[in-house]
Amino acid sequence: MKRIERGFGLVGAALVIFAASGGVAMAQFFGSSDNSGNSGNNAQLIDPLGGKSFQTVTANVAQFILLDIAIPLSAIMVLVGAFEMITSAGDPEKTLKGRKTILWAAVGLVVAFAAASIVSLIKGIFGVG
């Protein structure tokens, strides 16, 4: 039940963000006016990428996911697993749970690095960037 509620919360947050950004874009497009009071005659759209290429944006996103999310998250999960092992008080199930947490944190980090390497390999094969 909690998973369903969490899913609805994430979907709702995504819809709010989408609606807000769409509202800003619509206001910029339809609601622009100059000082003479003419509205809609000089509509301009702002480049959301700031003139950057698609390759630059994807490289920045991949770097953000790897450096800013995957590495700190795996470090936190290793600490959680170590805490579970320390506080197990000799209970083999809790110790095993802590070991599995550390193992899966390491697997997640390896997968993140493998994904970054695969992207780099594909870019090298096709001569992009």
Protein backbone atom coordinates (compact mmCIF):
# COMPACT_ATOMS: atom_id res chain seq x y z
CA MET A 1 0.00 0.00 0.00
CA LYS A 2 2.83 2.38 0.80
CA ARG A 3 4.39 1.71 -2.61
CA ILE A 4 1.15 2.73 -4.31
CA GLU A 5 0.91 5.91 -2.25
CA ARG A 6 4.56 6.73 -2.97
CA GLY A 7 3.95 6.14 -6.69
CA PHE A 8 0.95 8.46 -6.68
CA GLY A 9 3.00 11.07 -4.84
CA LEU A 10 5.79 10.91 -7.43
CA VAL A 11 3.34 11.08 -10.32
CA GLY A 12 1.58 14.02 -8.70
CA ALA A 13 4.83 15.87 -8.15
CA ALA A 14 5.85 15.26 -11.76
CA LEU A 15 2.49 16.58 -13.00
CA VAL A 16 2.79 19.71 -10.87
CA ILE A 17 6.28 20.41 -12.19
CA PHE A 18 5.16 19.74 -15.77
CA ALA A 19 2.12 21.99 -15.41
CA ALA A 20 4.15 24.79 -13.84
CA SER A 21 6.80 24.71 -16.55
CA GLY A 22 4.13 24.54 -19.25
CA GLY A 23 2.34 27.49 -17.70
CA VAL A 24 5.52 29.57 -17.74
CA ALA A 25 6.19 28.68 -21.37
CA MET A 26 2.61 29.55 -22.35
CA ALA A 27 2.80 32.84 -20.48
CA GLN A 28 6.04 33.70 -22.24
CA PHE A 29 4.60 32.78 -25.63
CA PHE A 30 1.08 34.21 -25.44
CA GLY A 31 1.33 36.79 -22.72
CA SER A 32 4.34 38.79 -23.86
CA SER A 33 3.67 42.44 -24.39
CA ASP A 34 5.69 45.50 -25.16
CA ASN A 35 5.37 48.91 -23.54
CA SER A 36 2.68 50.06 -25.98
CA GLY A 37 0.23 47.49 -24.68
CA ASN A 38 0.24 45.26 -27.74
CA SER A 39 0.14 41.70 -26.56
CA GLY A 40 1.10 38.59 -28.50
CA ASN A 41 2.77 40.43 -31.37
CA ASN A 42 6.37 39.90 -30.27
CA ALA A 43 6.29 36.39 -28.83
CA GLN A 44 9.69 34.83 -28.15
CA LEU A 45 10.64 31.40 -26.92
CA ILE A 46 13.65 31.03 -24.65
CA ASP A 47 16.15 28.25 -25.41
CA PRO A 48 16.02 25.98 -22.32
CA LEU A 49 19.44 24.46 -23.12
CA GLY A 50 21.20 27.82 -23.26
CA GLY A 51 22.64 27.15 -26.71
CA LYS A 52 24.33 23.90 -25.69
CA SER A 53 24.34 20.85 -27.94
CA PHE A 54 22.46 17.65 -27.19
CA GLN A 55 25.75 15.84 -26.57
CA THR A 56 26.80 18.41 -23.98
CA VAL A 57 23.48 18.16 -22.17
CA THR A 58 23.55 14.35 -22.08
CA ALA A 59 27.16 14.35 -20.86
CA ASN A 60 26.22 16.77 -18.08
CA VAL A 61 23.23 14.64 -17.07
CA ALA A 62 25.32 11.45 -17.05
CA GLN A 63 28.03 13.15 -14.99
CA PHE A 64 25.40 14.44 -12.55
CA ILE A 65 23.86 10.98 -12.13
CA LEU A 66 27.23 9.32 -11.61
CA LEU A 67 29.05 11.86 -9.46
CA ASP A 68 26.22 13.58 -7.63
CA ILE A 69 23.84 10.67 -7.08
CA ALA A 70 25.42 7.21 -7.52
CA ILE A 71 28.65 7.67 -5.57
CA PRO A 72 27.16 9.40 -2.51
CA LEU A 73 24.15 7.06 -2.47
CA SER A 74 26.36 3.97 -2.57
CA ALA A 75 28.54 5.38 0.22
CA ILE A 76 25.45 6.00 2.34
CA MET A 77 24.18 2.48 1.68
CA VAL A 78 27.57 0.99 2.67
CA LEU A 79 27.30 2.92 5.95
CA VAL A 80 23.74 1.65 6.44
CA GLY A 81 24.88 -1.92 5.83
CA ALA A 82 27.78 -1.50 8.25
CA PHE A 83 25.42 -0.08 10.86
CA GLU A 84 23.09 -3.05 10.39
CA MET A 85 26.01 -5.44 10.90
CA ILE A 86 27.29 -3.60 13.98
CA THR A 87 23.87 -3.44 15.63
CA SER A 88 22.96 -7.05 14.79
CA ALA A 89 24.09 -8.21 18.26
CA GLY A 90 25.11 -11.56 16.85
CA ASP A 91 21.81 -12.22 15.05
CA PRO A 92 22.82 -14.03 11.85
CA GLU A 93 19.81 -12.72 9.89
CA LYS A 94 20.60 -9.08 10.65
CA THR A 95 24.28 -9.63 9.88
CA LEU A 96 23.34 -11.21 6.56
CA LYS A 97 21.01 -8.30 5.80
CA GLY A 98 23.87 -5.84 6.41
CA ARG A 99 26.22 -7.83 4.17
CA LYS A 100 23.60 -7.90 1.40
CA THR A 101 23.09 -4.15 1.71
CA ILE A 102 26.82 -3.56 1.28
CA LEU A 103 26.97 -6.04 -1.61
CA TRP A 104 24.10 -4.39 -3.48
CA ALA A 105 25.54 -0.92 -2.87
CA ALA A 106 28.76 -2.10 -4.53
CA VAL A 107 26.81 -3.71 -7.39
CA GLY A 108 24.90 -0.46 -7.95
CA LEU A 109 28.12 1.51 -8.07
CA VAL A 110 29.64 -0.94 -10.56
CA VAL A 111 26.51 -0.69 -12.74
CA ALA A 112 26.70 3.12 -12.68
CA PHE A 113 30.37 3.08 -13.71
CA ALA A 114 29.64 0.46 -16.39
CA ALA A 115 26.86 2.63 -17.80
CA ALA A 116 29.19 5.63 -17.96
CA SER A 117 31.84 3.49 -19.65
CA ILE A 118 29.37 2.13 -22.20
CA VAL A 119 28.25 5.66 -23.07
CA SER A 120 31.87 6.71 -23.49
CA LEU A 121 32.58 3.63 -25.63
CA ILE A 122 29.61 4.28 -27.90
CA LYS A 123 30.58 7.91 -28.27
CA GLY A 124 34.10 6.82 -29.24
CA ILE A 125 32.83 4.30 -31.79
CA PHE A 126 30.57 6.81 -33.51
CA GLY A 127 33.03 9.68 -33.17
CA VAL A 128 30.69 11.91 -31.21
CA GLY A 129 32.16 14.41 -28.78
